[in-house]
Amino acid sequence: MVLDDNPNYLLINKELPRIAGSLRTLWGCAEFDEFVRNLLTESGDGARSGFPMRIAQALFRLAEDHEAEFPQFSRGRARLSEVIPNYIRDAYHKRRAR
């Protein structure tokens, strides 16, 4: 897969080019899923305000694409696709509660 043809990557790149640059650098590396997990999880200090839902969904879909293309990096770990939907749901509810 070429990231420049991926609509989820293109959306992230348009709205968050710095994060997109990191995603591009980590594409095809074992560290990719950890980077996305860290983006989508609350840091615990309340410093993060979260992403708009369309960006969180694009990150999730991009993580799914990465898992499909590089399954060797998911062995022995919970797949992002099993974990991230809970983070997206929780983030959505937190934003609506404000």
PDB file of N, CA and C in Angstrom:
ATOM      1  N   MET A   1       0.843  -1.188   0.000  1.00  0.00           N
ATOM      2  CA  MET A   1       0.000   0.000   0.000  1.00  0.00           C
ATOM      3  C   MET A   1       0.880   1.240   0.000  1.00  0.00           C
ATOM      4  N   VAL A   2       0.499   2.177  -0.775  1.00  0.00           N
ATOM      5  CA  VAL A   2       1.192   3.456  -0.807  1.00  0.00           C
ATOM      6  C   VAL A   2       0.374   4.450   0.003  1.00  0.00           C
ATOM      7  N   LEU A   3       1.001   5.069   0.972  1.00  0.00           N
ATOM      8  CA  LEU A   3       0.264   5.994   1.849  1.00  0.00           C
ATOM      9  C   LEU A   3      -0.354   7.153   1.081  1.00  0.00           C
ATOM     10  N   ASP A   4       0.299   7.596   0.023  1.00  0.00           N
ATOM     11  CA  ASP A   4      -0.232   8.735  -0.733  1.00  0.00           C
ATOM     12  C   ASP A   4      -1.540   8.412  -1.454  1.00  0.00           C
ATOM     13  N   ASP A   5      -1.891   7.133  -1.517  1.00  0.00           N
ATOM     14  CA  ASP A   5      -3.161   6.724  -2.109  1.00  0.00           C
ATOM     15  C   ASP A   5      -4.195   6.348  -1.051  1.00  0.00           C
ATOM     16  N   ASN A   6      -3.840   6.443   0.205  1.00  0.00           N
ATOM     17  CA  ASN A   6      -4.726   6.036   1.284  1.00  0.00           C
ATOM     18  C   ASN A   6      -5.545   7.254   1.755  1.00  0.00           C
ATOM     19  N   PRO A   7      -6.881   7.200   1.602  1.00  0.00           N
ATOM     20  CA  PRO A   7      -7.692   8.365   1.980  1.00  0.00           C
ATOM     21  C   PRO A   7      -7.597   8.724   3.459  1.00  0.00           C
ATOM     22  N   ASN A   8      -7.379   7.743   4.319  1.00  0.00           N
ATOM     23  CA  ASN A   8      -7.249   8.035   5.749  1.00  0.00           C
ATOM     24  C   ASN A   8      -5.955   8.792   6.026  1.00  0.00           C
ATOM     25  N   TYR A   9      -4.877   8.354   5.402  1.00  0.00           N
ATOM     26  CA  TYR A   9      -3.602   9.062   5.561  1.00  0.00           C
ATOM     27  C   TYR A   9      -3.715  10.479   4.994  1.00  0.00           C
ATOM     28  N   LEU A  10      -4.351  10.613   3.847  1.00  0.00           N
ATOM     29  CA  LEU A  10      -4.473  11.935   3.215  1.00  0.00           C
ATOM     30  C   LEU A  10      -5.255  12.906   4.101  1.00  0.00           C
ATOM     31  N   LEU A  11      -6.303  12.414   4.754  1.00  0.00           N
ATOM     32  CA  LEU A  11      -7.068  13.265   5.676  1.00  0.00           C
ATOM     33  C   LEU A  11      -6.200  13.705   6.850  1.00  0.00           C
ATOM     34  N   ILE A  12      -5.472  12.763   7.436  1.00  0.00           N
ATOM     35  CA  ILE A  12      -4.594  13.096   8.563  1.00  0.00           C
ATOM     36  C   ILE A  12      -3.520  14.079   8.116  1.00  0.00           C
ATOM     37  N   ASN A  13      -2.948  13.841   6.951  1.00  0.00           N
ATOM     38  CA  ASN A  13      -1.900  14.726   6.433  1.00  0.00           C
ATOM     39  C   ASN A  13      -2.419  16.140   6.198  1.00  0.00           C
ATOM     40  N   LYS A  14      -3.648  16.247   5.719  1.00  0.00           N
ATOM     41  CA  LYS A  14      -4.242  17.569   5.466  1.00  0.00           C
ATOM     42  C   LYS A  14      -4.445  18.349   6.770  1.00  0.00           C
ATOM     43  N   GLU A  15      -4.922  17.654   7.805  1.00  0.00           N
ATOM     44  CA  GLU A  15      -5.274  18.350   9.044  1.00  0.00           C
ATOM     45  C   GLU A  15      -4.170  18.345  10.098  1.00  0.00           C
ATOM     46  N   LEU A  16      -3.310  17.310  10.068  1.00  0.00           N
ATOM     47  CA  LEU A  16      -2.256  17.182  11.083  1.00  0.00           C
ATOM     48  C   LEU A  16      -0.963  16.722  10.410  1.00  0.00           C
ATOM     49  N   PRO A  17      -0.337  17.592   9.634  1.00  0.00           N
ATOM     50  CA  PRO A  17       0.830  17.170   8.846  1.00  0.00           C
ATOM     51  C   PRO A  17       2.003  16.650   9.685  1.00  0.00           C
ATOM     52  N   ARG A  18       2.181  17.167  10.872  1.00  0.00           N
ATOM     53  CA  ARG A  18       3.293  16.681  11.697  1.00  0.00           C
ATOM     54  C   ARG A  18       3.076  15.230  12.118  1.00  0.00           C
ATOM     55  N   ILE A  19       1.866  14.924  12.532  1.00  0.00           N
ATOM     56  CA  ILE A  19       1.543  13.545  12.888  1.00  0.00           C
ATOM     57  C   ILE A  19       1.634  12.656  11.653  1.00  0.00           C
ATOM     58  N   ALA A  20       1.159  13.143  10.519  1.00  0.00           N
ATOM     59  CA  ALA A  20       1.241  12.362   9.278  1.00  0.00           C
ATOM     60  C   ALA A  20       2.691  12.053   8.929  1.00  0.00           C
ATOM     61  N   GLY A  21       3.579  12.992   9.161  1.00  0.00           N
ATOM     62  CA  GLY A  21       4.998  12.752   8.900  1.00  0.00           C
ATOM     63  C   GLY A  21       5.538  11.628   9.773  1.00  0.00           C
ATOM     64  N   SER A  22       5.130  11.604  11.018  1.00  0.00           N
ATOM     65  CA  SER A  22       5.557  10.521  11.913  1.00  0.00           C
ATOM     66  C   SER A  22       4.963   9.187  11.477  1.00  0.00           C
ATOM     67  N   LEU A  23       3.701   9.194  11.056  1.00  0.00           N
ATOM     68  CA  LEU A  23       3.072   7.973  10.566  1.00  0.00           C
ATOM     69  C   LEU A  23       3.815   7.435   9.350  1.00  0.00           C
ATOM     70  N   ARG A  24       4.190   8.325   8.447  1.00  0.00           N
ATOM     71  CA  ARG A  24       4.933   7.921   7.252  1.00  0.00           C
ATOM     72  C   ARG A  24       6.279   7.309   7.641  1.00  0.00           C
ATOM     73  N   THR A  25       6.970   7.932   8.581  1.00  0.00           N
ATOM     74  CA  THR A  25       8.275   7.443   9.019  1.00  0.00           C
ATOM     75  C   THR A  25       8.155   6.051   9.641  1.00  0.00           C
ATOM     76  N   LEU A  26       7.087   5.821  10.392  1.00  0.00           N
ATOM     77  CA  LEU A  26       6.922   4.562  11.118  1.00  0.00           C
ATOM     78  C   LEU A  26       6.194   3.481  10.318  1.00  0.00           C
ATOM     79  N   TRP A  27       5.658   3.831   9.149  1.00  0.00           N
ATOM     80  CA  TRP A  27       4.928   2.856   8.337  1.00  0.00           C
ATOM     81  C   TRP A  27       5.849   1.685   8.004  1.00  0.00           C
ATOM     82  N   GLY A  28       5.386   0.492   8.296  1.00  0.00           N
ATOM     83  CA  GLY A  28       6.180  -0.700   8.032  1.00  0.00           C
ATOM     84  C   GLY A  28       7.126  -1.070   9.158  1.00  0.00           C
ATOM     85  N   CYS A  29       7.016  -0.369  10.272  1.00  0.00           N
ATOM     86  CA  CYS A  29       7.871  -0.632  11.440  1.00  0.00           C
ATOM     87  C   CYS A  29       7.022  -1.136  12.602  1.00  0.00           C
ATOM     88  N   ALA A  30       7.648  -1.878  13.481  1.00  0.00           N
ATOM     89  CA  ALA A  30       6.949  -2.410  14.652  1.00  0.00           C
ATOM     90  C   ALA A  30       6.430  -1.284  15.551  1.00  0.00           C
ATOM     91  N   GLU A  31       7.056  -0.131  15.528  1.00  0.00           N
ATOM     92  CA  GLU A  31       6.683   0.981  16.413  1.00  0.00           C
ATOM     93  C   GLU A  31       5.413   1.696  15.973  1.00  0.00           C
ATOM     94  N   PHE A  32       4.931   1.413  14.771  1.00  0.00           N
ATOM     95  CA  PHE A  32       3.759   2.113  14.244  1.00  0.00           C
ATOM     96  C   PHE A  32       2.556   1.963  15.169  1.00  0.00           C
ATOM     97  N   ASP A  33       2.239   0.709  15.551  1.00  0.00           N
ATOM     98  CA  ASP A  33       1.035   0.509  16.350  1.00  0.00           C
ATOM     99  C   ASP A  33       1.135   1.171  17.723  1.00  0.00           C
ATOM    100  N   GLU A  34       2.309   1.163  18.314  1.00  0.00           N
ATOM    101  CA  GLU A  34       2.484   1.832  19.617  1.00  0.00           C
ATOM    102  C   GLU A  34       2.286   3.342  19.482  1.00  0.00           C
ATOM    103  N   PHE A  35       2.772   3.906  18.394  1.00  0.00           N
ATOM    104  CA  PHE A  35       2.593   5.334  18.152  1.00  0.00           C
ATOM    105  C   PHE A  35       1.107   5.677  18.047  1.00  0.00           C
ATOM    106  N   VAL A  36       0.361   4.882  17.278  1.00  0.00           N
ATOM    107  CA  VAL A  36      -1.073   5.142  17.121  1.00  0.00           C
ATOM    108  C   VAL A  36      -1.801   4.925  18.441  1.00  0.00           C
ATOM    109  N   ARG A  37      -1.440   3.884  19.174  1.00  0.00           N
ATOM    110  CA  ARG A  37      -2.044   3.661  20.495  1.00  0.00           C
ATOM    111  C   ARG A  37      -1.842   4.882  21.393  1.00  0.00           C
ATOM    112  N   ASN A  38      -0.628   5.399  21.405  1.00  0.00           N
ATOM    113  CA  ASN A  38      -0.338   6.562  22.250  1.00  0.00           C
ATOM    114  C   ASN A  38      -1.121   7.793  21.805  1.00  0.00           C
ATOM    115  N   LEU A  39      -1.323   7.931  20.507  1.00  0.00           N
ATOM    116  CA  LEU A  39      -2.112   9.064  20.020  1.00  0.00           C
ATOM    117  C   LEU A  39      -3.564   8.976  20.486  1.00  0.00           C
ATOM    118  N   LEU A  40      -4.084   7.764  20.517  1.00  0.00           N
ATOM    119  CA  LEU A  40      -5.507   7.590  20.786  1.00  0.00           C
ATOM    120  C   LEU A  40      -5.853   7.333  22.243  1.00  0.00           C
ATOM    121  N   THR A  41      -4.847   7.231  23.091  1.00  0.00           N
ATOM    122  CA  THR A  41      -5.140   6.997  24.498  1.00  0.00           C
ATOM    123  C   THR A  41      -4.906   8.256  25.308  1.00  0.00           C
ATOM    124  N   GLU A  42      -5.663   8.375  26.339  1.00  0.00           N
ATOM    125  CA  GLU A  42      -5.545   9.516  27.243  1.00  0.00           C
ATOM    126  C   GLU A  42      -4.236   9.413  28.008  1.00  0.00           C
ATOM    127  N   SER A  43      -3.545  10.508  28.114  1.00  0.00           N
ATOM    128  CA  SER A  43      -2.250  10.521  28.803  1.00  0.00           C
ATOM    129  C   SER A  43      -2.397  10.457  30.316  1.00  0.00           C
ATOM    130  N   GLY A  44      -3.598  10.719  30.819  1.00  0.00           N
ATOM    131  CA  GLY A  44      -3.825  10.646  32.259  1.00  0.00           C
ATOM    132  C   GLY A  44      -3.657  11.983  32.959  1.00  0.00           C
ATOM    133  N   ASP A  45      -2.997  12.938  32.301  1.00  0.00           N
ATOM    134  CA  ASP A  45      -2.791  14.237  32.932  1.00  0.00           C
ATOM    135  C   ASP A  45      -3.795  15.280  32.441  1.00  0.00           C
ATOM    136  N   GLY A  46      -4.701  14.867  31.556  1.00  0.00           N
ATOM    137  CA  GLY A  46      -5.712  15.789  31.051  1.00  0.00           C
ATOM    138  C   GLY A  46      -5.185  16.778  30.038  1.00  0.00           C
ATOM    139  N   ALA A  47      -3.932  16.636  29.613  1.00  0.00           N
ATOM    140  CA  ALA A  47      -3.333  17.591  28.689  1.00  0.00           C
ATOM    141  C   ALA A  47      -3.867  17.444  27.266  1.00  0.00           C
ATOM    142  N   ARG A  48      -4.306  16.260  26.914  1.00  0.00           N
ATOM    143  CA  ARG A  48      -4.809  16.038  25.557  1.00  0.00           C
ATOM    144  C   ARG A  48      -6.287  16.341  25.497  1.00  0.00           C
ATOM    145  N   SER A  49      -6.680  16.995  24.433  1.00  0.00           N
ATOM    146  CA  SER A  49      -8.100  17.281  24.258  1.00  0.00           C
ATOM    147  C   SER A  49      -8.755  16.282  23.320  1.00  0.00           C
ATOM    148  N   GLY A  50      -7.987  15.383  22.727  1.00  0.00           N
ATOM    149  CA  GLY A  50      -8.541  14.391  21.820  1.00  0.00           C
ATOM    150  C   GLY A  50      -8.576  14.899  20.397  1.00  0.00           C
ATOM    151  N   PHE A  51      -8.962  14.014  19.516  1.00  0.00           N
ATOM    152  CA  PHE A  51      -9.056  14.333  18.098  1.00  0.00           C
ATOM    153  C   PHE A  51     -10.515  14.430  17.698  1.00  0.00           C
ATOM    154  N   PRO A  52     -10.793  15.190  16.653  1.00  0.00           N
ATOM    155  CA  PRO A  52     -12.147  15.123  16.096  1.00  0.00           C
ATOM    156  C   PRO A  52     -12.427  13.670  15.692  1.00  0.00           C
ATOM    157  N   MET A  53     -13.680  13.269  15.729  1.00  0.00           N
ATOM    158  CA  MET A  53     -14.039  11.888  15.456  1.00  0.00           C
ATOM    159  C   MET A  53     -13.526  11.421  14.093  1.00  0.00           C
ATOM    160  N   ARG A  54     -13.582  12.256  13.073  1.00  0.00           N
ATOM    161  CA  ARG A  54     -13.137  11.838  11.737  1.00  0.00           C
ATOM    162  C   ARG A  54     -11.637  11.524  11.723  1.00  0.00           C
ATOM    163  N   ILE A  55     -10.846  12.234  12.546  1.00  0.00           N
ATOM    164  CA  ILE A  55      -9.408  11.966  12.612  1.00  0.00           C
ATOM    165  C   ILE A  55      -9.153  10.686  13.411  1.00  0.00           C
ATOM    166  N   ALA A  56      -9.864  10.519  14.522  1.00  0.00           N
ATOM    167  CA  ALA A  56      -9.714   9.292  15.317  1.00  0.00           C
ATOM    168  C   ALA A  56     -10.080   8.074  14.471  1.00  0.00           C
ATOM    169  N   GLN A  57     -11.141   8.177  13.697  1.00  0.00           N
ATOM    170  CA  GLN A  57     -11.536   7.067  12.835  1.00  0.00           C
ATOM    171  C   GLN A  57     -10.500   6.822  11.742  1.00  0.00           C
ATOM    172  N   ALA A  58      -9.948   7.882  11.182  1.00  0.00           N
ATOM    173  CA  ALA A  58      -8.914   7.726  10.149  1.00  0.00           C
ATOM    174  C   ALA A  58      -7.672   7.061  10.732  1.00  0.00           C
ATOM    175  N   LEU A  59      -7.293   7.425  11.945  1.00  0.00           N
ATOM    176  CA  LEU A  59      -6.154   6.779  12.603  1.00  0.00           C
ATOM    177  C   LEU A  59      -6.433   5.296  12.827  1.00  0.00           C
ATOM    178  N   PHE A  60      -7.635   4.996  13.271  1.00  0.00           N
ATOM    179  CA  PHE A  60      -8.023   3.609  13.496  1.00  0.00           C
ATOM    180  C   PHE A  60      -7.962   2.806  12.198  1.00  0.00           C
ATOM    181  N   ARG A  61      -8.528   3.354  11.132  1.00  0.00           N
ATOM    182  CA  ARG A  61      -8.525   2.640   9.843  1.00  0.00           C
ATOM    183  C   ARG A  61      -7.109   2.481   9.309  1.00  0.00           C
ATOM    184  N   LEU A  62      -6.300   3.490   9.490  1.00  0.00           N
ATOM    185  CA  LEU A  62      -4.908   3.386   9.051  1.00  0.00           C
ATOM    186  C   LEU A  62      -4.178   2.310   9.850  1.00  0.00           C
ATOM    187  N   ALA A  63      -4.470   2.222  11.142  1.00  0.00           N
ATOM    188  CA  ALA A  63      -3.877   1.168  11.966  1.00  0.00           C
ATOM    189  C   ALA A  63      -4.329  -0.207  11.490  1.00  0.00           C
ATOM    190  N   GLU A  64      -5.593  -0.326  11.106  1.00  0.00           N
ATOM    191  CA  GLU A  64      -6.079  -1.596  10.555  1.00  0.00           C
ATOM    192  C   GLU A  64      -5.340  -1.942   9.262  1.00  0.00           C
ATOM    193  N   ASP A  65      -5.122  -0.952   8.410  1.00  0.00           N
ATOM    194  CA  ASP A  65      -4.381  -1.182   7.163  1.00  0.00           C
ATOM    195  C   ASP A  65      -2.959  -1.648   7.457  1.00  0.00           C
ATOM    196  N   HIS A  66      -2.341  -1.034   8.460  1.00  0.00           N
ATOM    197  CA  HIS A  66      -0.978  -1.412   8.824  1.00  0.00           C
ATOM    198  C   HIS A  66      -0.948  -2.850   9.355  1.00  0.00           C
ATOM    199  N   GLU A  67      -1.906  -3.206  10.202  1.00  0.00           N
ATOM    200  CA  GLU A  67      -1.980  -4.568  10.726  1.00  0.00           C
ATOM    201  C   GLU A  67      -2.164  -5.581   9.601  1.00  0.00           C
ATOM    202  N   ALA A  68      -2.987  -5.234   8.607  1.00  0.00           N
ATOM    203  CA  ALA A  68      -3.230  -6.153   7.495  1.00  0.00           C
ATOM    204  C   ALA A  68      -1.978  -6.330   6.642  1.00  0.00           C
ATOM    205  N   GLU A  69      -1.252  -5.249   6.439  1.00  0.00           N
ATOM    206  CA  GLU A  69      -0.066  -5.318   5.592  1.00  0.00           C
ATOM    207  C   GLU A  69       1.154  -5.883   6.319  1.00  0.00           C
ATOM    208  N   PHE A  70       1.222  -5.664   7.631  1.00  0.00           N
ATOM    209  CA  PHE A  70       2.382  -6.105   8.413  1.00  0.00           C
ATOM    210  C   PHE A  70       1.922  -6.887   9.648  1.00  0.00           C
ATOM    211  N   PRO A  71       1.300  -8.039   9.453  1.00  0.00           N
ATOM    212  CA  PRO A  71       0.754  -8.795  10.600  1.00  0.00           C
ATOM    213  C   PRO A  71       1.825  -9.289  11.566  1.00  0.00           C
ATOM    214  N   GLN A  72       3.051  -9.364  11.132  1.00  0.00           N
ATOM    215  CA  GLN A  72       4.122  -9.851  12.004  1.00  0.00           C
ATOM    216  C   GLN A  72       4.321  -8.940  13.219  1.00  0.00           C
ATOM    217  N   PHE A  73       3.907  -7.706  13.138  1.00  0.00           N
ATOM    218  CA  PHE A  73       4.100  -6.786  14.261  1.00  0.00           C
ATOM    219  C   PHE A  73       2.990  -6.890  15.299  1.00  0.00           C
ATOM    220  N   SER A  74       1.940  -7.632  14.998  1.00  0.00           N
ATOM    221  CA  SER A  74       0.821  -7.774  15.930  1.00  0.00           C
ATOM    222  C   SER A  74       0.872  -9.076  16.708  1.00  0.00           C
ATOM    223  N   ARG A  75       1.771  -9.947  16.347  1.00  0.00           N
ATOM    224  CA  ARG A  75       1.842 -11.245  17.027  1.00  0.00           C
ATOM    225  C   ARG A  75       2.157 -11.072  18.504  1.00  0.00           C
ATOM    226  N   GLY A  76       1.368 -11.775  19.325  1.00  0.00           N
ATOM    227  CA  GLY A  76       1.618 -11.753  20.761  1.00  0.00           C
ATOM    228  C   GLY A  76       1.076 -10.519  21.462  1.00  0.00           C
ATOM    229  N   ARG A  77       0.433  -9.630  20.736  1.00  0.00           N
ATOM    230  CA  ARG A  77      -0.128  -8.415  21.337  1.00  0.00           C
ATOM    231  C   ARG A  77      -1.596  -8.328  20.990  1.00  0.00           C
ATOM    232  N   ALA A  78      -2.321  -7.595  21.787  1.00  0.00           N
ATOM    233  CA  ALA A  78      -3.705  -7.318  21.424  1.00  0.00           C
ATOM    234  C   ALA A  78      -3.678  -6.474  20.156  1.00  0.00           C
ATOM    235  N   ARG A  79      -4.462  -6.884  19.197  1.00  0.00           N
ATOM    236  CA  ARG A  79      -4.514  -6.125  17.946  1.00  0.00           C
ATOM    237  C   ARG A  79      -5.140  -4.760  18.210  1.00  0.00           C
ATOM    238  N   LEU A  80      -4.628  -3.766  17.522  1.00  0.00           N
ATOM    239  CA  LEU A  80      -5.192  -2.426  17.674  1.00  0.00           C
ATOM    240  C   LEU A  80      -6.684  -2.421  17.386  1.00  0.00           C
ATOM    241  N   SER A  81      -7.094  -3.206  16.413  1.00  0.00           N
ATOM    242  CA  SER A  81      -8.513  -3.236  16.050  1.00  0.00           C
ATOM    243  C   SER A  81      -9.379  -3.789  17.181  1.00  0.00           C
ATOM    244  N   GLU A  82      -8.777  -4.489  18.142  1.00  0.00           N
ATOM    245  CA  GLU A  82      -9.517  -4.981  19.302  1.00  0.00           C
ATOM    246  C   GLU A  82      -9.557  -3.950  20.426  1.00  0.00           C
ATOM    247  N   VAL A  83      -8.597  -3.053  20.437  1.00  0.00           N
ATOM    248  CA  VAL A  83      -8.434  -2.127  21.553  1.00  0.00           C
ATOM    249  C   VAL A  83      -8.929  -0.721  21.211  1.00  0.00           C
ATOM    250  N   ILE A  84      -8.614  -0.243  20.055  1.00  0.00           N
ATOM    251  CA  ILE A  84      -8.866   1.153  19.706  1.00  0.00           C
ATOM    252  C   ILE A  84     -10.340   1.537  19.707  1.00  0.00           C
ATOM    253  N   PRO A  85     -11.263   0.688  19.244  1.00  0.00           N
ATOM    254  CA  PRO A  85     -12.662   1.150  19.269  1.00  0.00           C
ATOM    255  C   PRO A  85     -13.121   1.623  20.638  1.00  0.00           C
ATOM    256  N   ASN A  86     -12.630   1.001  21.692  1.00  0.00           N
ATOM    257  CA  ASN A  86     -12.984   1.444  23.048  1.00  0.00           C
ATOM    258  C   ASN A  86     -12.444   2.844  23.319  1.00  0.00           C
ATOM    259  N   TYR A  87     -11.234   3.128  22.863  1.00  0.00           N
ATOM    260  CA  TYR A  87     -10.654   4.454  23.056  1.00  0.00           C
ATOM    261  C   TYR A  87     -11.440   5.506  22.283  1.00  0.00           C
ATOM    262  N   ILE A  88     -11.814   5.167  21.053  1.00  0.00           N
ATOM    263  CA  ILE A  88     -12.581   6.111  20.247  1.00  0.00           C
ATOM    264  C   ILE A  88     -13.932   6.372  20.897  1.00  0.00           C
ATOM    265  N   ARG A  89     -14.602   5.326  21.350  1.00  0.00           N
ATOM    266  CA  ARG A  89     -15.896   5.481  22.010  1.00  0.00           C
ATOM    267  C   ARG A  89     -15.752   6.350  23.260  1.00  0.00           C
ATOM    268  N   ASP A  90     -14.750   6.056  24.079  1.00  0.00           N
ATOM    269  CA  ASP A  90     -14.538   6.816  25.313  1.00  0.00           C
ATOM    270  C   ASP A  90     -14.225   8.278  25.011  1.00  0.00           C
ATOM    271  N   ALA A  91     -13.387   8.515  24.014  1.00  0.00           N
ATOM    272  CA  ALA A  91     -13.041   9.895  23.649  1.00  0.00           C
ATOM    273  C   ALA A  91     -14.274  10.643  23.159  1.00  0.00           C
ATOM    274  N   TYR A  92     -15.097   9.977  22.384  1.00  0.00           N
ATOM    275  CA  TYR A  92     -16.313  10.607  21.879  1.00  0.00           C
ATOM    276  C   TYR A  92     -17.225  11.011  23.027  1.00  0.00           C
ATOM    277  N   HIS A  93     -17.410  10.125  23.986  1.00  0.00           N
ATOM    278  CA  HIS A  93     -18.277  10.428  25.124  1.00  0.00           C
ATOM    279  C   HIS A  93     -17.698  11.538  25.989  1.00  0.00           C
ATOM    280  N   LYS A  94     -16.398  11.580  26.147  1.00  0.00           N
ATOM    281  CA  LYS A  94     -15.766  12.651  26.925  1.00  0.00           C
ATOM    282  C   LYS A  94     -15.992  14.001  26.251  1.00  0.00           C
ATOM    283  N   ARG A  95     -15.842  14.047  24.926  1.00  0.00           N
ATOM    284  CA  ARG A  95     -16.028  15.311  24.203  1.00  0.00           C
ATOM    285  C   ARG A  95     -17.472  15.781  24.285  1.00  0.00           C
ATOM    286  N   ARG A  96     -18.421  14.862  24.217  1.00  0.00           N
ATOM    287  CA  ARG A  96     -19.834  15.231  24.279  1.00  0.00           C
ATOM    288  C   ARG A  96     -20.220  15.705  25.675  1.00  0.00           C
ATOM    289  N   ALA A  97     -19.517  15.239  26.694  1.00  0.00           N
ATOM    290  CA  ALA A  97     -19.831  15.604  28.079  1.00  0.00           C
ATOM    291  C   ALA A  97     -19.392  17.022  28.417  1.00  0.00           C
ATOM    292  N   ARG A  98     -18.527  17.591  27.608  1.00  0.00           N
ATOM    293  CA  ARG A  98     -18.025  18.939  27.923  1.00  0.00           C
ATOM    294  C   ARG A  98     -19.038  20.004  27.707  1.00  0.00           C
TER     295      ARG A  98
END
